[in-house]
Amino acid sequence: MFAPVGRILLWGLLPRQQLSRIFPLNYAAGPNSAVFSFFQNPHFLQEQFRSIHSDSSKHSENPLISISENPDTLYKQIRVLVKGHDKSVLDSYEYFAVHAAKELGISIEKVYEPPRKIERLTLLKSIHIFKKHRVQYEMRTHYRRIEMKHLTGSTADMYLEYIQRNVPEGVALEIKKTTLEKLPEHLKKPVWDSVPPTEESANTC
């Protein structure tokens, strides 16, 4: 009737012979009432924690974080403009993008809805005749703007790629980035220290 819980927990971790040794079956009540006494078996917790320890050792041997000598790009602000013709689709996509940013620990500065844009096109109802009979078509474009601040280049690339891969049909994205750069060397030195000597003598006279 019901799926055995213990076999679900360790189905992908242990072979069938080992599972049958750890979880003995009791078919005394009938063929469909297999009772698992895995809570009374002392091997249950040992096998479970042994498998967890082996998986953690595999992950420790192959670390996923790589250290690079190149400095990461720093973004002061990233503005994402989402536009489309269906308001309900934009509401759903806005919730998805904001929720994904919060899961990644990205600080969201502002989320708002800019004014919509309406374009109207008036045409003849008939192609060649009846100039008085006309029809008007209206196209509405809705917008959503998400502004984030203080992002690194790796986090921004991963987040933007994720939301771009999940853009629904009929929705366009416009992304603007503001980076933080070092001050150039020629601007670090004060301007008055580079005044030519002729100008200094003229000023003293």
N, C-alpha and C. Protein backbone atom coordinates (compact mmCIF):
# COMPACT_ATOMS: atom_id res chain seq x y z
N MET A 1 0.83 -1.20 0.00
CA MET A 1 0.00 0.00 0.00
C MET A 1 0.86 1.25 0.00
N PHE A 2 1.76 1.35 1.00
CA PHE A 2 2.61 2.52 1.12
C PHE A 2 4.05 2.14 0.80
N ALA A 3 4.81 3.11 0.32
CA ALA A 3 6.22 2.87 0.00
C ALA A 3 7.02 2.78 1.28
N PRO A 4 7.92 1.82 1.40
CA PRO A 4 8.74 1.71 2.62
C PRO A 4 9.67 2.89 2.78
N VAL A 5 9.61 3.51 3.96
CA VAL A 5 10.35 4.75 4.18
C VAL A 5 11.84 4.49 4.22
N GLY A 6 12.27 3.47 4.91
CA GLY A 6 13.70 3.22 5.05
C GLY A 6 14.37 2.92 3.73
N ARG A 7 13.67 2.24 2.83
CA ARG A 7 14.27 1.94 1.53
C ARG A 7 14.35 3.18 0.66
N ILE A 8 13.41 4.13 0.87
CA ILE A 8 13.49 5.39 0.13
C ILE A 8 14.70 6.19 0.58
N LEU A 9 15.00 6.19 1.87
CA LEU A 9 16.10 6.99 2.39
C LEU A 9 17.44 6.53 1.85
N LEU A 10 17.65 5.24 1.74
CA LEU A 10 18.96 4.72 1.37
C LEU A 10 18.94 3.95 0.06
N TRP A 11 17.96 4.21 -0.80
CA TRP A 11 17.85 3.45 -2.03
C TRP A 11 19.03 3.72 -2.97
N GLY A 12 19.45 4.98 -3.06
CA GLY A 12 20.56 5.30 -3.95
C GLY A 12 21.91 5.19 -3.29
N LEU A 13 21.96 4.87 -2.00
CA LEU A 13 23.23 4.84 -1.28
C LEU A 13 23.77 3.44 -1.05
N LEU A 14 22.90 2.44 -0.91
CA LEU A 14 23.34 1.09 -0.57
C LEU A 14 22.81 0.10 -1.59
N PRO A 15 23.53 -1.00 -1.83
CA PRO A 15 23.04 -2.04 -2.73
C PRO A 15 21.88 -2.79 -2.12
N ARG A 16 21.20 -3.60 -2.96
CA ARG A 16 20.01 -4.30 -2.51
C ARG A 16 20.32 -5.34 -1.44
N GLN A 17 21.46 -6.06 -1.56
CA GLN A 17 21.79 -7.07 -0.56
C GLN A 17 22.01 -6.44 0.81
N GLN A 18 22.66 -5.27 0.81
CA GLN A 18 22.92 -4.59 2.08
C GLN A 18 21.63 -4.04 2.68
N LEU A 19 20.71 -3.59 1.80
CA LEU A 19 19.43 -3.10 2.30
C LEU A 19 18.62 -4.22 2.94
N SER A 20 18.62 -5.41 2.30
CA SER A 20 17.87 -6.53 2.86
C SER A 20 18.45 -6.99 4.19
N ARG A 21 19.78 -6.80 4.37
CA ARG A 21 20.39 -7.18 5.65
C ARG A 21 20.04 -6.17 6.74
N ILE A 22 19.97 -4.88 6.36
CA ILE A 22 19.68 -3.85 7.36
C ILE A 22 18.19 -3.80 7.69
N PHE A 23 17.33 -3.96 6.66
CA PHE A 23 15.89 -3.86 6.85
C PHE A 23 15.26 -5.23 6.65
N PRO A 24 15.13 -6.07 7.68
CA PRO A 24 14.50 -7.38 7.51
C PRO A 24 13.00 -7.23 7.30
N LEU A 25 12.44 -8.07 6.41
CA LEU A 25 11.02 -8.01 6.07
C LEU A 25 10.25 -9.05 6.88
N ASN A 26 8.99 -8.75 7.13
CA ASN A 26 8.10 -9.66 7.83
C ASN A 26 6.81 -9.78 7.02
N TYR A 27 6.65 -10.88 6.34
CA TYR A 27 5.47 -11.10 5.51
C TYR A 27 4.42 -11.95 6.22
N ALA A 28 4.46 -11.99 7.55
CA ALA A 28 3.51 -12.83 8.28
C ALA A 28 2.09 -12.30 8.16
N ALA A 29 1.95 -10.98 8.08
CA ALA A 29 0.60 -10.40 7.99
C ALA A 29 0.03 -10.45 6.60
N GLY A 30 0.79 -10.81 5.61
CA GLY A 30 0.31 -10.84 4.24
C GLY A 30 1.37 -10.37 3.29
N PRO A 31 1.18 -10.60 1.99
CA PRO A 31 2.21 -10.21 1.02
C PRO A 31 2.34 -8.72 0.84
N ASN A 32 1.28 -7.95 1.11
CA ASN A 32 1.31 -6.51 0.90
C ASN A 32 1.63 -5.73 2.17
N SER A 33 1.87 -6.39 3.28
CA SER A 33 2.14 -5.69 4.55
C SER A 33 3.54 -6.03 5.02
N ALA A 34 4.54 -5.48 4.34
CA ALA A 34 5.94 -5.69 4.72
C ALA A 34 6.31 -4.70 5.80
N VAL A 35 6.66 -5.19 6.96
CA VAL A 35 6.97 -4.34 8.11
C VAL A 35 8.48 -4.21 8.21
N PHE A 36 8.97 -2.98 8.23
CA PHE A 36 10.40 -2.70 8.34
C PHE A 36 10.72 -2.33 9.78
N SER A 37 11.63 -3.06 10.35
CA SER A 37 12.04 -2.78 11.73
C SER A 37 13.39 -2.08 11.75
N PHE A 38 13.51 -0.99 10.92
CA PHE A 38 14.81 -0.33 10.82
C PHE A 38 15.09 0.56 12.01
N PHE A 39 14.06 1.00 12.76
CA PHE A 39 14.32 1.81 13.94
C PHE A 39 14.90 0.98 15.08
N GLN A 40 14.61 -0.34 15.08
CA GLN A 40 15.14 -1.22 16.11
C GLN A 40 16.49 -1.82 15.73
N ASN A 41 16.93 -1.58 14.51
CA ASN A 41 18.18 -2.17 14.03
C ASN A 41 19.32 -1.21 14.31
N PRO A 42 20.39 -1.61 14.99
CA PRO A 42 21.50 -0.68 15.29
C PRO A 42 22.32 -0.33 14.06
N HIS A 43 22.22 -1.13 12.97
CA HIS A 43 23.02 -0.84 11.78
C HIS A 43 22.45 0.32 10.97
N PHE A 44 21.22 0.74 11.28
CA PHE A 44 20.58 1.78 10.47
C PHE A 44 21.34 3.10 10.53
N LEU A 45 21.56 3.60 11.76
CA LEU A 45 22.25 4.88 11.91
C LEU A 45 23.70 4.79 11.48
N GLN A 46 24.35 3.65 11.69
CA GLN A 46 25.75 3.50 11.29
C GLN A 46 25.89 3.60 9.78
N GLU A 47 25.03 2.89 9.05
CA GLU A 47 25.11 2.92 7.59
C GLU A 47 24.75 4.30 7.05
N GLN A 48 23.77 4.94 7.67
CA GLN A 48 23.36 6.25 7.18
C GLN A 48 24.45 7.29 7.36
N PHE A 49 25.05 7.35 8.54
CA PHE A 49 26.11 8.33 8.78
C PHE A 49 27.38 7.98 8.04
N ARG A 50 27.62 6.69 7.79
CA ARG A 50 28.79 6.30 7.02
C ARG A 50 28.68 6.78 5.58
N SER A 51 27.49 6.70 5.01
CA SER A 51 27.30 7.18 3.64
C SER A 51 27.43 8.70 3.56
N ILE A 52 26.91 9.40 4.58
CA ILE A 52 27.05 10.85 4.60
C ILE A 52 28.51 11.26 4.71
N HIS A 53 29.27 10.55 5.53
CA HIS A 53 30.69 10.86 5.70
C HIS A 53 31.46 10.60 4.41
N SER A 54 31.13 9.55 3.69
CA SER A 54 31.82 9.27 2.43
C SER A 54 31.51 10.32 1.39
N ASP A 55 30.25 10.81 1.34
CA ASP A 55 29.92 11.86 0.39
C ASP A 55 30.63 13.16 0.73
N SER A 56 30.74 13.50 2.01
CA SER A 56 31.43 14.73 2.39
C SER A 56 32.91 14.65 2.08
N SER A 57 33.51 13.47 2.22
CA SER A 57 34.93 13.33 1.89
C SER A 57 35.17 13.50 0.40
N LYS A 58 34.23 13.04 -0.43
CA LYS A 58 34.37 13.22 -1.87
C LYS A 58 34.32 14.69 -2.23
N HIS A 59 33.40 15.43 -1.60
CA HIS A 59 33.31 16.86 -1.90
C HIS A 59 34.54 17.61 -1.40
N SER A 60 35.13 17.18 -0.30
CA SER A 60 36.31 17.86 0.21
C SER A 60 37.52 17.63 -0.68
N GLU A 61 37.58 16.48 -1.36
CA GLU A 61 38.70 16.22 -2.25
C GLU A 61 38.62 17.07 -3.51
N ASN A 62 37.41 17.36 -3.99
CA ASN A 62 37.21 18.16 -5.19
C ASN A 62 36.52 19.46 -4.80
N PRO A 63 37.24 20.47 -4.37
CA PRO A 63 36.58 21.72 -3.96
C PRO A 63 36.00 22.43 -5.17
N LEU A 64 34.83 23.06 -4.97
CA LEU A 64 34.16 23.78 -6.04
C LEU A 64 34.60 25.23 -6.12
N ILE A 65 35.26 25.74 -5.11
CA ILE A 65 35.69 27.14 -5.09
C ILE A 65 37.13 27.22 -5.58
N SER A 66 37.34 28.00 -6.62
CA SER A 66 38.67 28.20 -7.17
C SER A 66 39.14 29.61 -6.86
N ILE A 67 40.40 29.75 -6.52
CA ILE A 67 40.98 31.04 -6.16
C ILE A 67 41.72 31.58 -7.38
N SER A 68 41.40 32.82 -7.76
CA SER A 68 42.02 33.47 -8.91
C SER A 68 42.82 34.67 -8.44
N GLU A 69 43.92 34.93 -9.13
CA GLU A 69 44.75 36.08 -8.79
C GLU A 69 44.19 37.38 -9.34
N ASN A 70 43.35 37.31 -10.36
CA ASN A 70 42.79 38.53 -10.95
C ASN A 70 41.73 39.12 -10.01
N PRO A 71 41.76 40.42 -9.79
CA PRO A 71 40.74 41.03 -8.92
C PRO A 71 39.36 40.99 -9.56
N ASP A 72 38.36 40.80 -8.73
CA ASP A 72 36.99 40.72 -9.21
C ASP A 72 36.44 42.11 -9.48
N THR A 73 35.54 42.20 -10.44
CA THR A 73 34.91 43.48 -10.77
C THR A 73 33.90 43.85 -9.69
N LEU A 74 33.87 45.12 -9.34
CA LEU A 74 32.94 45.62 -8.33
C LEU A 74 31.91 46.52 -9.00
N TYR A 75 30.65 46.25 -8.73
CA TYR A 75 29.56 47.05 -9.29
C TYR A 75 28.90 47.84 -8.17
N LYS A 76 28.81 49.14 -8.40
CA LYS A 76 28.12 49.99 -7.43
C LYS A 76 26.61 49.80 -7.52
N GLN A 77 26.11 49.65 -8.73
CA GLN A 77 24.67 49.51 -8.93
C GLN A 77 24.42 48.77 -10.24
N ILE A 78 23.39 47.94 -10.24
CA ILE A 78 22.92 47.26 -11.44
C ILE A 78 21.42 47.48 -11.53
N ARG A 79 20.98 48.01 -12.66
CA ARG A 79 19.57 48.30 -12.88
C ARG A 79 19.03 47.38 -13.97
N VAL A 80 17.99 46.67 -13.65
CA VAL A 80 17.35 45.74 -14.58
C VAL A 80 15.97 46.28 -14.91
N LEU A 81 15.75 46.56 -16.19
CA LEU A 81 14.45 47.04 -16.67
C LEU A 81 13.77 45.91 -17.42
N VAL A 82 12.61 45.51 -16.94
CA VAL A 82 11.82 44.44 -17.55
C VAL A 82 10.62 45.07 -18.23
N LYS A 83 10.39 44.73 -19.48
CA LYS A 83 9.25 45.30 -20.21
C LYS A 83 8.52 44.22 -20.99
N GLY A 84 7.22 44.36 -21.02
CA GLY A 84 6.37 43.41 -21.72
C GLY A 84 4.96 43.96 -21.85
N HIS A 85 4.11 43.21 -22.54
CA HIS A 85 2.74 43.66 -22.80
C HIS A 85 1.72 43.04 -21.85
N ASP A 86 2.08 41.99 -21.14
CA ASP A 86 1.16 41.33 -20.21
C ASP A 86 1.57 41.67 -18.78
N LYS A 87 0.67 42.33 -18.06
CA LYS A 87 1.01 42.79 -16.71
C LYS A 87 1.15 41.63 -15.74
N SER A 88 0.32 40.61 -15.86
CA SER A 88 0.40 39.47 -14.94
C SER A 88 1.70 38.70 -15.10
N VAL A 89 2.19 38.60 -16.33
CA VAL A 89 3.47 37.92 -16.56
C VAL A 89 4.61 38.71 -15.93
N LEU A 90 4.55 40.03 -16.02
CA LEU A 90 5.60 40.86 -15.41
C LEU A 90 5.56 40.76 -13.89
N ASP A 91 4.37 40.68 -13.31
CA ASP A 91 4.27 40.53 -11.86
C ASP A 91 4.90 39.21 -11.40
N SER A 92 4.64 38.14 -12.14
CA SER A 92 5.22 36.84 -11.79
C SER A 92 6.73 36.84 -11.96
N TYR A 93 7.21 37.46 -13.04
CA TYR A 93 8.66 37.49 -13.27
C TYR A 93 9.36 38.39 -12.26
N GLU A 94 8.71 39.46 -11.84
CA GLU A 94 9.30 40.33 -10.81
C GLU A 94 9.46 39.57 -9.49
N TYR A 95 8.45 38.79 -9.12
CA TYR A 95 8.55 37.99 -7.89
C TYR A 95 9.68 36.97 -8.00
N PHE A 96 9.82 36.35 -9.17
CA PHE A 96 10.89 35.37 -9.37
C PHE A 96 12.26 36.02 -9.26
N ALA A 97 12.46 37.17 -9.91
CA ALA A 97 13.76 37.83 -9.90
C ALA A 97 14.13 38.33 -8.51
N VAL A 98 13.18 38.88 -7.78
CA VAL A 98 13.46 39.38 -6.43
C VAL A 98 13.75 38.23 -5.48
N HIS A 99 12.99 37.14 -5.61
CA HIS A 99 13.22 35.98 -4.74
C HIS A 99 14.59 35.36 -5.01
N ALA A 100 14.99 35.29 -6.28
CA ALA A 100 16.31 34.74 -6.61
C ALA A 100 17.43 35.63 -6.06
N ALA A 101 17.25 36.95 -6.11
CA ALA A 101 18.26 37.86 -5.58
C ALA A 101 18.39 37.72 -4.06
N LYS A 102 17.28 37.54 -3.37
CA LYS A 102 17.34 37.37 -1.91
C LYS A 102 18.01 36.06 -1.53
N GLU A 103 17.78 35.01 -2.32
CA GLU A 103 18.42 33.73 -2.02
C GLU A 103 19.94 33.81 -2.20
N LEU A 104 20.41 34.65 -3.11
CA LEU A 104 21.84 34.82 -3.33
C LEU A 104 22.46 35.86 -2.41
N GLY A 105 21.67 36.49 -1.56
CA GLY A 105 22.20 37.49 -0.65
C GLY A 105 22.48 38.83 -1.30
N ILE A 106 21.82 39.13 -2.39
CA ILE A 106 22.02 40.40 -3.09
C ILE A 106 21.13 41.46 -2.45
N SER A 107 21.71 42.60 -2.16
CA SER A 107 20.96 43.70 -1.54
C SER A 107 20.18 44.45 -2.62
N ILE A 108 18.87 44.45 -2.49
CA ILE A 108 17.99 45.13 -3.44
C ILE A 108 17.70 46.53 -2.93
N GLU A 109 18.01 47.51 -3.74
CA GLU A 109 17.83 48.90 -3.34
C GLU A 109 16.40 49.37 -3.55
N LYS A 110 15.83 49.04 -4.72
CA LYS A 110 14.49 49.54 -5.03
C LYS A 110 13.85 48.65 -6.09
N VAL A 111 12.55 48.42 -5.94
CA VAL A 111 11.74 47.71 -6.94
C VAL A 111 10.47 48.53 -7.14
N TYR A 112 10.25 49.01 -8.35
CA TYR A 112 9.08 49.84 -8.60
C TYR A 112 8.60 49.65 -10.03
N GLU A 113 7.44 50.23 -10.31
CA GLU A 113 6.80 50.12 -11.62
C GLU A 113 6.78 51.48 -12.30
N PRO A 114 7.59 51.68 -13.33
CA PRO A 114 7.56 52.96 -14.06
C PRO A 114 6.23 53.13 -14.80
N PRO A 115 5.94 54.34 -15.24
CA PRO A 115 4.69 54.55 -16.00
C PRO A 115 4.69 53.74 -17.30
N ARG A 116 3.53 53.24 -17.62
CA ARG A 116 3.40 52.44 -18.84
C ARG A 116 3.39 53.34 -20.07
N LYS A 117 3.70 52.75 -21.19
CA LYS A 117 3.76 53.46 -22.46
C LYS A 117 2.66 52.93 -23.37
N ILE A 118 1.86 53.83 -23.92
CA ILE A 118 0.73 53.45 -24.77
C ILE A 118 0.97 54.02 -26.17
N GLU A 119 0.92 53.18 -27.15
CA GLU A 119 1.05 53.59 -28.56
C GLU A 119 -0.26 53.26 -29.27
N ARG A 120 -0.82 54.26 -29.94
CA ARG A 120 -2.08 54.08 -30.68
C ARG A 120 -1.84 54.27 -32.17
N LEU A 121 -2.48 53.43 -32.93
CA LEU A 121 -2.34 53.46 -34.38
C LEU A 121 -3.73 53.42 -34.99
N THR A 122 -4.09 54.47 -35.72
CA THR A 122 -5.41 54.59 -36.34
C THR A 122 -5.29 54.27 -37.82
N LEU A 123 -6.06 53.30 -38.28
CA LEU A 123 -6.02 52.86 -39.68
C LEU A 123 -7.43 52.79 -40.24
N LEU A 124 -7.50 52.74 -41.56
CA LEU A 124 -8.78 52.57 -42.22
C LEU A 124 -9.32 51.17 -41.96
N LYS A 125 -10.63 51.10 -41.74
CA LYS A 125 -11.23 49.79 -41.53
C LYS A 125 -11.19 48.97 -42.81
N SER A 126 -11.34 49.63 -43.92
CA SER A 126 -11.16 48.99 -45.22
C SER A 126 -9.86 49.48 -45.82
N ILE A 127 -9.28 48.71 -46.68
CA ILE A 127 -7.94 49.04 -47.18
C ILE A 127 -7.98 50.22 -48.13
N HIS A 128 -8.95 50.27 -49.05
CA HIS A 128 -8.92 51.26 -50.13
C HIS A 128 -10.04 52.29 -50.03
N ILE A 129 -11.19 51.94 -49.46
CA ILE A 129 -12.34 52.84 -49.50
C ILE A 129 -12.88 53.06 -48.09
N PHE A 130 -13.94 53.88 -48.01
CA PHE A 130 -14.62 54.20 -46.76
C PHE A 130 -13.65 54.82 -45.75
N LYS A 131 -13.29 56.08 -46.08
CA LYS A 131 -12.32 56.78 -45.24
C LYS A 131 -12.90 57.11 -43.87
N LYS A 132 -14.22 57.27 -43.79
CA LYS A 132 -14.82 57.62 -42.50
C LYS A 132 -14.81 56.46 -41.52
N HIS A 133 -14.74 55.25 -42.02
CA HIS A 133 -14.76 54.07 -41.14
C HIS A 133 -13.31 53.69 -40.80
N ARG A 134 -12.98 53.92 -39.57
CA ARG A 134 -11.60 53.65 -39.14
C ARG A 134 -11.60 52.76 -37.89
N VAL A 135 -10.44 52.17 -37.64
CA VAL A 135 -10.24 51.34 -36.46
C VAL A 135 -8.94 51.75 -35.79
N GLN A 136 -8.93 51.71 -34.49
CA GLN A 136 -7.75 52.16 -33.73
C GLN A 136 -7.18 50.99 -32.93
N TYR A 137 -5.88 50.78 -33.12
CA TYR A 137 -5.16 49.72 -32.39
C TYR A 137 -4.32 50.37 -31.30
N GLU A 138 -4.30 49.73 -30.16
CA GLU A 138 -3.57 50.25 -29.00
C GLU A 138 -2.61 49.19 -28.48
N MET A 139 -1.37 49.59 -28.28
CA MET A 139 -0.35 48.67 -27.77
C MET A 139 0.21 49.25 -26.47
N ARG A 140 0.05 48.50 -25.40
CA ARG A 140 0.49 48.95 -24.08
C ARG A 140 1.75 48.18 -23.67
N THR A 141 2.74 48.91 -23.22
CA THR A 141 4.00 48.32 -22.75
C THR A 141 4.16 48.65 -21.27
N HIS A 142 4.21 47.60 -20.45
CA HIS A 142 4.38 47.75 -19.01
C HIS A 142 5.85 47.54 -18.64
N TYR A 143 6.25 48.17 -17.54
CA TYR A 143 7.66 48.13 -17.13
C TYR A 143 7.76 47.74 -15.66
N ARG A 144 8.89 47.11 -15.34
CA ARG A 144 9.29 46.84 -13.96
C ARG A 144 10.79 47.14 -13.86
N ARG A 145 11.17 47.82 -12.81
CA ARG A 145 12.59 48.15 -12.63
C ARG A 145 13.07 47.60 -11.29
N ILE A 146 14.19 46.88 -11.34
CA ILE A 146 14.82 46.31 -10.15
C ILE A 146 16.23 46.90 -10.04
N GLU A 147 16.51 47.56 -8.94
CA GLU A 147 17.81 48.18 -8.73
C GLU A 147 18.52 47.47 -7.58
N MET A 148 19.74 47.01 -7.85
CA MET A 148 20.57 46.32 -6.86
C MET A 148 21.87 47.08 -6.67
N LYS A 149 22.48 46.94 -5.51
CA LYS A 149 23.69 47.69 -5.21
C LYS A 149 24.72 46.78 -4.57
N HIS A 150 25.99 47.18 -4.75
CA HIS A 150 27.15 46.54 -4.10
C HIS A 150 27.22 45.05 -4.46
N LEU A 151 27.54 44.78 -5.73
CA LEU A 151 27.67 43.41 -6.21
C LEU A 151 29.08 43.18 -6.72
N THR A 152 29.54 41.94 -6.60
CA THR A 152 30.79 41.54 -7.23
C THR A 152 30.50 41.03 -8.64
N GLY A 153 31.55 40.94 -9.44
CA GLY A 153 31.37 40.52 -10.82
C GLY A 153 30.88 39.10 -10.95
N SER A 154 31.39 38.19 -10.14
CA SER A 154 30.98 36.79 -10.22
C SER A 154 29.52 36.62 -9.81
N THR A 155 29.11 37.30 -8.75
CA THR A 155 27.71 37.21 -8.32
C THR A 155 26.78 37.82 -9.34
N ALA A 156 27.17 38.95 -9.91
CA ALA A 156 26.32 39.61 -10.91
C ALA A 156 26.18 38.76 -12.17
N ASP A 157 27.28 38.17 -12.63
CA ASP A 157 27.21 37.34 -13.84
C ASP A 157 26.32 36.12 -13.62
N MET A 158 26.44 35.49 -12.47
CA MET A 158 25.64 34.31 -12.19
C MET A 158 24.16 34.67 -12.08
N TYR A 159 23.85 35.76 -11.40
CA TYR A 159 22.45 36.15 -11.22
C TYR A 159 21.81 36.58 -12.54
N LEU A 160 22.54 37.40 -13.30
CA LEU A 160 21.98 37.88 -14.56
C LEU A 160 21.80 36.75 -15.57
N GLU A 161 22.73 35.82 -15.60
CA GLU A 161 22.56 34.67 -16.49
C GLU A 161 21.36 33.83 -16.08
N TYR A 162 21.13 33.70 -14.79
CA TYR A 162 20.01 32.89 -14.30
C TYR A 162 18.67 33.52 -14.67
N ILE A 163 18.53 34.83 -14.48
CA ILE A 163 17.25 35.46 -14.80
C ILE A 163 17.05 35.59 -16.31
N GLN A 164 18.14 35.69 -17.08
CA GLN A 164 18.00 35.76 -18.52
C GLN A 164 17.59 34.42 -19.12
N ARG A 165 18.05 33.33 -18.53
CA ARG A 165 17.67 32.01 -19.02
C ARG A 165 16.20 31.69 -18.74
N ASN A 166 15.61 32.36 -17.77
CA ASN A 166 14.23 32.09 -17.38
C ASN A 166 13.28 33.22 -17.77
N VAL A 167 13.64 33.99 -18.77
CA VAL A 167 12.76 35.07 -19.24
C VAL A 167 11.58 34.46 -19.99
N PRO A 168 10.36 34.79 -19.63
CA PRO A 168 9.21 34.25 -20.37
C PRO A 168 9.09 34.89 -21.75
N GLU A 169 8.24 34.29 -22.57
CA GLU A 169 8.05 34.79 -23.93
C GLU A 169 7.32 36.14 -23.89
N GLY A 170 7.74 37.03 -24.77
CA GLY A 170 7.14 38.35 -24.83
C GLY A 170 7.67 39.33 -23.82
N VAL A 171 8.77 38.99 -23.15
CA VAL A 171 9.37 39.87 -22.13
C VAL A 171 10.81 40.17 -22.54
N ALA A 172 11.19 41.44 -22.44
CA ALA A 172 12.54 41.88 -22.79
C ALA A 172 13.22 42.46 -21.56
N LEU A 173 14.55 42.35 -21.53
CA LEU A 173 15.35 42.87 -20.42
C LEU A 173 16.31 43.93 -20.93
N GLU A 174 16.52 44.93 -20.11
CA GLU A 174 17.52 45.97 -20.37
C GLU A 174 18.33 46.16 -19.09
N ILE A 175 19.63 45.91 -19.17
CA ILE A 175 20.50 45.89 -17.99
C ILE A 175 21.53 47.00 -18.11
N LYS A 176 21.68 47.78 -17.06
CA LYS A 176 22.69 48.84 -16.99
C LYS A 176 23.53 48.63 -15.73
N LYS A 177 24.85 48.67 -15.92
CA LYS A 177 25.78 48.42 -14.81
C LYS A 177 26.62 49.67 -14.54
N THR A 178 26.86 49.92 -13.27
CA THR A 178 27.73 51.01 -12.84
C THR A 178 28.88 50.39 -12.06
N THR A 179 30.08 50.46 -12.64
CA THR A 179 31.25 49.82 -12.03
C THR A 179 32.04 50.81 -11.18
N LEU A 180 32.83 50.26 -10.29
CA LEU A 180 33.75 51.05 -9.46
C LEU A 180 35.16 50.85 -10.00
N GLU A 181 35.81 51.92 -10.36
CA GLU A 181 37.16 51.87 -10.93
C GLU A 181 38.12 52.67 -10.05
N LYS A 182 39.39 52.33 -10.17
CA LYS A 182 40.42 53.08 -9.46
C LYS A 182 40.64 54.43 -10.12
N LEU A 183 41.06 55.37 -9.31
CA LEU A 183 41.36 56.70 -9.83
C LEU A 183 42.63 56.64 -10.67
N PRO A 184 42.62 57.21 -11.88
CA PRO A 184 43.82 57.17 -12.73
C PRO A 184 45.01 57.84 -12.06
N GLU A 185 46.20 57.43 -12.47
CA GLU A 185 47.42 57.94 -11.86
C GLU A 185 47.61 59.44 -12.11
N HIS A 186 47.20 59.91 -13.29
CA HIS A 186 47.42 61.32 -13.61
C HIS A 186 46.45 62.24 -12.85
N LEU A 187 45.44 61.66 -12.21
CA LEU A 187 44.53 62.47 -11.41
C LEU A 187 44.82 62.41 -9.92
N LYS A 188 45.66 61.46 -9.51
CA LYS A 188 45.99 61.36 -8.09
C LYS A 188 46.88 62.52 -7.64
N LYS A 189 47.76 62.98 -8.52
CA LYS A 189 48.66 64.08 -8.17
C LYS A 189 47.91 65.41 -8.29
N PRO A 190 48.03 66.32 -7.34
CA PRO A 190 47.32 67.60 -7.42
C PRO A 190 47.72 68.39 -8.66
N VAL A 191 46.80 69.18 -9.17
CA VAL A 191 47.05 69.94 -10.39
C VAL A 191 48.06 71.05 -10.13
N TRP A 192 48.04 71.67 -8.96
CA TRP A 192 48.94 72.79 -8.70
C TRP A 192 50.40 72.37 -8.58
N ASP A 193 50.65 71.06 -8.41
CA ASP A 193 52.04 70.62 -8.37
C ASP A 193 52.65 70.50 -9.76
N SER A 194 51.83 70.51 -10.79
CA SER A 194 52.34 70.37 -12.16
C SER A 194 52.28 71.67 -12.95
N VAL A 195 52.23 72.83 -12.26
CA VAL A 195 52.19 74.12 -12.95
C VAL A 195 53.59 74.43 -13.49
N PRO A 196 53.73 74.86 -14.74
CA PRO A 196 55.06 75.19 -15.29
C PRO A 196 55.71 76.33 -14.52
N PRO A 197 57.05 76.38 -14.47
CA PRO A 197 57.73 77.45 -13.70
C PRO A 197 57.52 78.83 -14.28
N THR A 198 57.31 78.97 -15.59
CA THR A 198 57.09 80.29 -16.19
C THR A 198 55.82 80.92 -15.64
N GLU A 199 54.79 80.14 -15.50
CA GLU A 199 53.54 80.67 -14.98
C GLU A 199 53.69 81.06 -13.51
N GLU A 200 54.49 80.32 -12.76
CA GLU A 200 54.69 80.66 -11.36
C GLU A 200 55.42 82.00 -11.22
N SER A 201 56.45 82.25 -12.07
CA SER A 201 57.19 83.52 -12.02
C SER A 201 56.31 84.68 -12.43
N ALA A 202 55.44 84.45 -13.41
CA ALA A 202 54.54 85.52 -13.84
C ALA A 202 53.55 85.88 -12.74
N ASN A 203 53.11 84.90 -12.01
CA ASN A 203 52.16 85.16 -10.92
C ASN A 203 52.83 85.91 -9.78
N THR A 204 54.12 85.65 -9.51
CA THR A 204 54.81 86.34 -8.43
C THR A 204 55.08 87.79 -8.77
N CYS A 205 55.35 88.13 -10.04
CA CYS A 205 55.57 89.51 -10.44
C CYS A 205 54.28 90.32 -10.36
